[in-house]
C-alpha atoms as a PDB file:
ATOM      1  CA  UNK A   1     -80.788 152.625 -49.119  1.00  0.00           C
ATOM      2  CA  UNK A   2     -83.974 153.857 -50.766  1.00  0.00           C
ATOM      3  CA  UNK A   3     -85.691 152.004 -53.580  1.00  0.00           C
ATOM      4  CA  UNK A   4     -84.780 154.828 -55.987  1.00  0.00           C
ATOM      5  CA  UNK A   5     -81.095 154.508 -55.020  1.00  0.00           C
ATOM      6  CA  UNK A   6     -81.186 150.735 -55.551  1.00  0.00           C
ATOM      7  CA  UNK A   7     -82.703 150.875 -59.042  1.00  0.00           C
ATOM      8  CA  UNK A   8     -79.570 152.243 -60.802  1.00  0.00           C
ATOM      9  CA  UNK A   9     -77.379 149.686 -58.995  1.00  0.00           C
ATOM     10  CA  UNK A  10     -79.690 146.854 -60.084  1.00  0.00           C
ATOM     11  CA  UNK A  11     -79.587 148.112 -63.672  1.00  0.00           C
ATOM     12  CA  UNK A  12     -75.801 148.335 -63.513  1.00  0.00           C
ATOM     13  CA  UNK A  13     -75.585 144.749 -62.270  1.00  0.00           C
ATOM     14  CA  UNK A  14     -78.089 143.590 -64.908  1.00  0.00           C
ATOM     15  CA  UNK A  15     -76.047 145.327 -67.588  1.00  0.00           C
ATOM     16  CA  UNK A  16     -72.812 143.768 -66.380  1.00  0.00           C
ATOM     17  CA  UNK A  17     -74.388 140.305 -66.339  1.00  0.00           C
ATOM     18  CA  UNK A  18     -75.969 140.808 -69.770  1.00  0.00           C
ATOM     19  CA  UNK A  19     -72.608 141.854 -71.206  1.00  0.00           C
ATOM     20  CA  UNK A  20     -71.020 138.721 -69.770  1.00  0.00           C
ATOM     21  CA  UNK A  21     -73.712 136.479 -71.259  1.00  0.00           C
ATOM     22  CA  UNK A  22     -73.291 137.973 -74.721  1.00  0.00           C
ATOM     23  CA  UNK A  23     -69.487 137.933 -74.525  1.00  0.00           C
ATOM     24  CA  UNK A  24     -69.430 134.441 -73.033  1.00  0.00           C
ATOM     25  CA  UNK A  25     -71.821 133.079 -75.646  1.00  0.00           C
ATOM     26  CA  UNK A  26     -69.777 134.519 -78.507  1.00  0.00           C
ATOM     27  CA  UNK A  27     -66.639 132.977 -77.010  1.00  0.00           C
ATOM     28  CA  UNK A  28     -68.440 129.636 -76.582  1.00  0.00           C
ATOM     29  CA  UNK A  29     -69.612 129.671 -80.194  1.00  0.00           C
ATOM     30  CA  UNK A  30     -66.072 130.518 -81.308  1.00  0.00           C
ATOM     31  CA  UNK A  31     -64.571 127.628 -79.368  1.00  0.00           C
ATOM     32  CA  UNK A  32     -67.199 125.183 -80.653  1.00  0.00           C
ATOM     33  CA  UNK A  33     -66.702 126.328 -84.244  1.00  0.00           C
ATOM     34  CA  UNK A  34     -62.914 126.203 -84.073  1.00  0.00           C
ATOM     35  CA  UNK A  35     -62.700 122.898 -82.220  1.00  0.00           C
ATOM     36  CA  UNK A  36     -65.479 120.982 -83.993  1.00  0.00           C
ATOM     37  CA  UNK A  37     -63.303 120.558 -87.065  1.00  0.00           C
ATOM     38  CA  UNK A  38     -59.890 120.287 -85.449  1.00  0.00           C
ATOM     39  CA  UNK A  39     -60.593 117.736 -82.737  1.00  0.00           C
ATOM     40  CA  UNK A  40     -61.115 114.057 -83.332  1.00  0.00           C
ATOM     41  CA  UNK A  41     -61.862 113.403 -79.660  1.00  0.00           C
ATOM     42  CA  UNK A  42     -65.589 114.085 -79.889  1.00  0.00           C
ATOM     43  CA  UNK A  43     -68.022 116.334 -78.126  1.00  0.00           C
ATOM     44  CA  UNK A  44     -66.772 115.583 -74.615  1.00  0.00           C
ATOM     45  CA  UNK A  45     -63.431 117.085 -75.603  1.00  0.00           C
ATOM     46  CA  UNK A  46     -65.155 120.104 -77.179  1.00  0.00           C
ATOM     47  CA  UNK A  47     -67.223 120.585 -74.002  1.00  0.00           C
ATOM     48  CA  UNK A  48     -64.045 120.500 -71.907  1.00  0.00           C
ATOM     49  CA  UNK A  49     -62.385 123.055 -74.193  1.00  0.00           C
ATOM     50  CA  UNK A  50     -65.431 125.327 -73.915  1.00  0.00           C
ATOM     51  CA  UNK A  51     -65.502 125.105 -70.112  1.00  0.00           C
ATOM     52  CA  UNK A  52     -61.757 125.600 -69.679  1.00  0.00           C
ATOM     53  CA  UNK A  53     -61.795 128.571 -72.040  1.00  0.00           C
ATOM     54  CA  UNK A  54     -64.772 130.155 -70.248  1.00  0.00           C
ATOM     55  CA  UNK A  55     -63.176 129.703 -66.817  1.00  0.00           C
ATOM     56  CA  UNK A  56     -59.809 131.092 -67.961  1.00  0.00           C
ATOM     57  CA  UNK A  57     -61.483 134.122 -69.532  1.00  0.00           C
ATOM     58  CA  UNK A  58     -63.569 134.624 -66.391  1.00  0.00           C
ATOM     59  CA  UNK A  59     -60.417 134.575 -64.254  1.00  0.00           C
ATOM     60  CA  UNK A  60     -58.712 137.000 -66.651  1.00  0.00           C
ATOM     61  CA  UNK A  61     -61.697 139.361 -66.479  1.00  0.00           C
ATOM     62  CA  UNK A  62     -61.851 139.190 -62.688  1.00  0.00           C
ATOM     63  CA  UNK A  63     -58.124 139.868 -62.420  1.00  0.00           C
ATOM     64  CA  UNK A  64     -58.172 142.749 -64.923  1.00  0.00           C
ATOM     65  CA  UNK A  65     -61.241 144.383 -63.376  1.00  0.00           C
ATOM     66  CA  UNK A  66     -59.798 143.957 -59.876  1.00  0.00           C
ATOM     67  CA  UNK A  67     -56.587 145.687 -60.920  1.00  0.00           C
ATOM     68  CA  UNK A  68     -58.520 148.467 -62.627  1.00  0.00           C
ATOM     69  CA  UNK A  69     -60.825 148.879 -59.645  1.00  0.00           C
ATOM     70  CA  UNK A  70     -57.913 149.079 -57.225  1.00  0.00           C
ATOM     71  CA  UNK A  71     -55.910 151.548 -59.311  1.00  0.00           C
ATOM     72  CA  UNK A  72     -58.971 153.623 -60.208  1.00  0.00           C
ATOM     73  CA  UNK A  73     -59.821 154.119 -56.549  1.00  0.00           C
ATOM     74  CA  UNK A  74     -56.209 154.289 -55.362  1.00  0.00           C
ATOM     75  CA  UNK A  75     -56.930 151.758 -52.613  1.00  0.00           C
ATOM     76  CA  UNK A  76     -56.592 148.072 -51.922  1.00  0.00           C
ATOM     77  CA  UNK A  77     -59.456 145.914 -53.073  1.00  0.00           C
ATOM     78  CA  UNK A  78     -61.559 144.398 -50.303  1.00  0.00           C
ATOM     79  CA  UNK A  79     -62.679 140.782 -50.408  1.00  0.00           C
ATOM     80  CA  UNK A  80     -66.280 141.964 -50.774  1.00  0.00           C
ATOM     81  CA  UNK A  81     -65.353 144.068 -53.818  1.00  0.00           C
ATOM     82  CA  UNK A  82     -63.413 141.167 -55.335  1.00  0.00           C
ATOM     83  CA  UNK A  83     -66.393 138.869 -54.737  1.00  0.00           C
ATOM     84  CA  UNK A  84     -68.684 141.376 -56.412  1.00  0.00           C
ATOM     85  CA  UNK A  85     -66.418 141.563 -59.460  1.00  0.00           C
ATOM     86  CA  UNK A  86     -66.196 137.763 -59.610  1.00  0.00           C
ATOM     87  CA  UNK A  87     -69.984 137.485 -59.428  1.00  0.00           C
ATOM     88  CA  UNK A  88     -70.792 139.924 -62.190  1.00  0.00           C
ATOM     89  CA  UNK A  89     -68.121 138.402 -64.439  1.00  0.00           C
ATOM     90  CA  UNK A  90     -69.381 134.858 -63.723  1.00  0.00           C
ATOM     91  CA  UNK A  91     -71.994 135.221 -66.454  1.00  0.00           C
ATOM     92  CA  UNK A  92     -69.146 134.448 -68.871  1.00  0.00           C
ATOM     93  CA  UNK A  93     -68.994 130.933 -67.407  1.00  0.00           C
ATOM     94  CA  UNK A  94     -72.754 130.658 -66.963  1.00  0.00           C
ATOM     95  CA  UNK A  95     -73.203 131.353 -70.680  1.00  0.00           C
ATOM     96  CA  UNK A  96     -71.171 128.230 -71.441  1.00  0.00           C
ATOM     97  CA  UNK A  97     -73.380 125.839 -69.477  1.00  0.00           C
ATOM     98  CA  UNK A  98     -76.350 125.323 -71.854  1.00  0.00           C
ATOM     99  CA  UNK A  99     -74.169 124.625 -74.941  1.00  0.00           C
ATOM    100  CA  UNK A 100     -71.901 122.401 -72.842  1.00  0.00           C
ATOM    101  CA  UNK A 101     -74.941 120.398 -71.715  1.00  0.00           C
ATOM    102  CA  UNK A 102     -75.797 119.767 -75.375  1.00  0.00           C
ATOM    103  CA  UNK A 103     -72.212 118.703 -76.083  1.00  0.00           C
ATOM    104  CA  UNK A 104     -72.297 116.281 -73.140  1.00  0.00           C
ATOM    105  CA  UNK A 105     -75.418 114.677 -74.630  1.00  0.00           C
ATOM    106  CA  UNK A 106     -73.208 113.837 -77.583  1.00  0.00           C
ATOM    107  CA  UNK A 107     -70.421 112.583 -75.344  1.00  0.00           C
ATOM    108  CA  UNK A 108     -72.898 110.320 -73.527  1.00  0.00           C
ATOM    109  CA  UNK A 109     -74.211 108.921 -76.800  1.00  0.00           C
ATOM    110  CA  UNK A 110     -77.691 110.369 -76.376  1.00  0.00           C
ATOM    111  CA  UNK A 111     -77.107 112.429 -79.540  1.00  0.00           C
ATOM    112  CA  UNK A 112     -74.663 111.982 -82.377  1.00  0.00           C
ATOM    113  CA  UNK A 113     -71.626 114.245 -82.157  1.00  0.00           C
ATOM    114  CA  UNK A 114     -72.794 116.194 -85.201  1.00  0.00           C
ATOM    115  CA  UNK A 115     -76.278 116.717 -83.745  1.00  0.00           C
ATOM    116  CA  UNK A 116     -74.829 117.727 -80.356  1.00  0.00           C
ATOM    117  CA  UNK A 117     -72.568 120.334 -81.981  1.00  0.00           C
ATOM    118  CA  UNK A 118     -75.442 121.801 -83.997  1.00  0.00           C
ATOM    119  CA  UNK A 119     -77.686 121.787 -80.923  1.00  0.00           C
ATOM    120  CA  UNK A 120     -74.990 123.603 -78.933  1.00  0.00           C
ATOM    121  CA  UNK A 121     -74.682 126.195 -81.700  1.00  0.00           C
ATOM    122  CA  UNK A 122     -78.468 126.582 -81.834  1.00  0.00           C
ATOM    123  CA  UNK A 123     -78.633 127.052 -78.080  1.00  0.00           C
ATOM    124  CA  UNK A 124     -75.929 129.704 -78.368  1.00  0.00           C
ATOM    125  CA  UNK A 125     -77.983 131.548 -80.969  1.00  0.00           C
ATOM    126  CA  UNK A 126     -81.083 131.297 -78.779  1.00  0.00           C
ATOM    127  CA  UNK A 127     -79.140 132.772 -75.838  1.00  0.00           C
ATOM    128  CA  UNK A 128     -77.922 135.650 -78.026  1.00  0.00           C
ATOM    129  CA  UNK A 129     -81.482 136.340 -79.174  1.00  0.00           C
ATOM    130  CA  UNK A 130     -82.819 136.194 -75.611  1.00  0.00           C
ATOM    131  CA  UNK A 131     -80.138 138.583 -74.372  1.00  0.00           C
ATOM    132  CA  UNK A 132     -80.977 140.947 -77.217  1.00  0.00           C
ATOM    133  CA  UNK A 133     -84.615 140.938 -76.122  1.00  0.00           C
ATOM    134  CA  UNK A 134     -83.542 141.410 -72.505  1.00  0.00           C
ATOM    135  CA  UNK A 135     -81.417 144.416 -73.450  1.00  0.00           C
ATOM    136  CA  UNK A 136     -84.261 145.900 -75.489  1.00  0.00           C
ATOM    137  CA  UNK A 137     -86.661 145.556 -72.549  1.00  0.00           C
ATOM    138  CA  UNK A 138     -84.240 147.159 -70.103  1.00  0.00           C
ATOM    139  CA  UNK A 139     -83.689 150.008 -72.557  1.00  0.00           C
ATOM    140  CA  UNK A 140     -87.433 150.206 -73.279  1.00  0.00           C
ATOM    141  CA  UNK A 141     -86.844 149.907 -77.019  1.00  0.00           C
ATOM    142  CA  UNK A 142     -89.737 149.534 -79.396  1.00  0.00           C
ATOM    143  CA  UNK A 143     -90.259 146.699 -81.828  1.00  0.00           C
ATOM    144  CA  UNK A 144     -87.783 148.011 -84.419  1.00  0.00           C
ATOM    145  CA  UNK A 145     -85.103 148.633 -81.799  1.00  0.00           C
ATOM    146  CA  UNK A 146     -85.642 145.167 -80.346  1.00  0.00           C
ATOM    147  CA  UNK A 147     -85.405 143.560 -83.776  1.00  0.00           C
ATOM    148  CA  UNK A 148     -82.226 145.517 -84.521  1.00  0.00           C
ATOM    149  CA  UNK A 149     -80.505 144.440 -81.301  1.00  0.00           C
ATOM    150  CA  UNK A 150     -81.561 140.814 -81.747  1.00  0.00           C
ATOM    151  CA  UNK A 151     -80.377 140.952 -85.379  1.00  0.00           C
ATOM    152  CA  UNK A 152     -76.943 142.249 -84.358  1.00  0.00           C
ATOM    153  CA  UNK A 153     -76.601 139.582 -81.658  1.00  0.00           C
ATOM    154  CA  UNK A 154     -77.730 136.831 -84.014  1.00  0.00           C
ATOM    155  CA  UNK A 155     -75.566 138.244 -86.784  1.00  0.00           C
ATOM    156  CA  UNK A 156     -72.458 137.692 -84.690  1.00  0.00           C
ATOM    157  CA  UNK A 157     -73.533 134.125 -83.948  1.00  0.00           C
ATOM    158  CA  UNK A 158     -74.493 133.379 -87.550  1.00  0.00           C
ATOM    159  CA  UNK A 159     -71.161 134.794 -88.719  1.00  0.00           C
ATOM    160  CA  UNK A 160     -69.380 132.272 -86.494  1.00  0.00           C
ATOM    161  CA  UNK A 161     -71.545 129.413 -87.729  1.00  0.00           C
ATOM    162  CA  UNK A 162     -70.919 130.536 -91.302  1.00  0.00           C
ATOM    163  CA  UNK A 163     -67.204 130.349 -90.601  1.00  0.00           C
ATOM    164  CA  UNK A 164     -67.744 126.818 -89.274  1.00  0.00           C
ATOM    165  CA  UNK A 165     -69.455 125.818 -92.494  1.00  0.00           C
ATOM    166  CA  UNK A 166     -66.725 127.445 -94.557  1.00  0.00           C
ATOM    167  CA  UNK A 167     -63.948 125.722 -92.614  1.00  0.00           C
ATOM    168  CA  UNK A 168     -65.563 122.282 -92.347  1.00  0.00           C
ATOM    169  CA  UNK A 169     -66.808 121.923 -95.921  1.00  0.00           C
END
């Protein structure tokens, strides 16, 4: 395969991974926001909810994409194709890891539960901003385009945090 033929495939894979990071991070923020108020079990419980949710959604995405791939090509899915789908959807789970690490710091007593939750939310926002910048670079957007994409990504995250504040106060 020539270098020119590989470039579109690499961009496709980068786009699929980027989509998973953004989607996964928004899901993570949603789970943190919804469970921070409703659980009295602390940040370890919230971290477990985040991880379980991310893994279940990853499995659902792999299953749905595998079915679509098989039907769309009118052929059985090979193990290699299934592995490829599982890999590019794994960014949903990967997106959960940094916020979960912050939540575990709370569970271990290194941080207070409140600080751990806010740190996890902040990390989520940072991931959304970074993925916005990544998208803008791949698309070769200028400064205004980059700021717009980052603003949309952060806007989704801030909306979720605003809902947390509304619900918990």
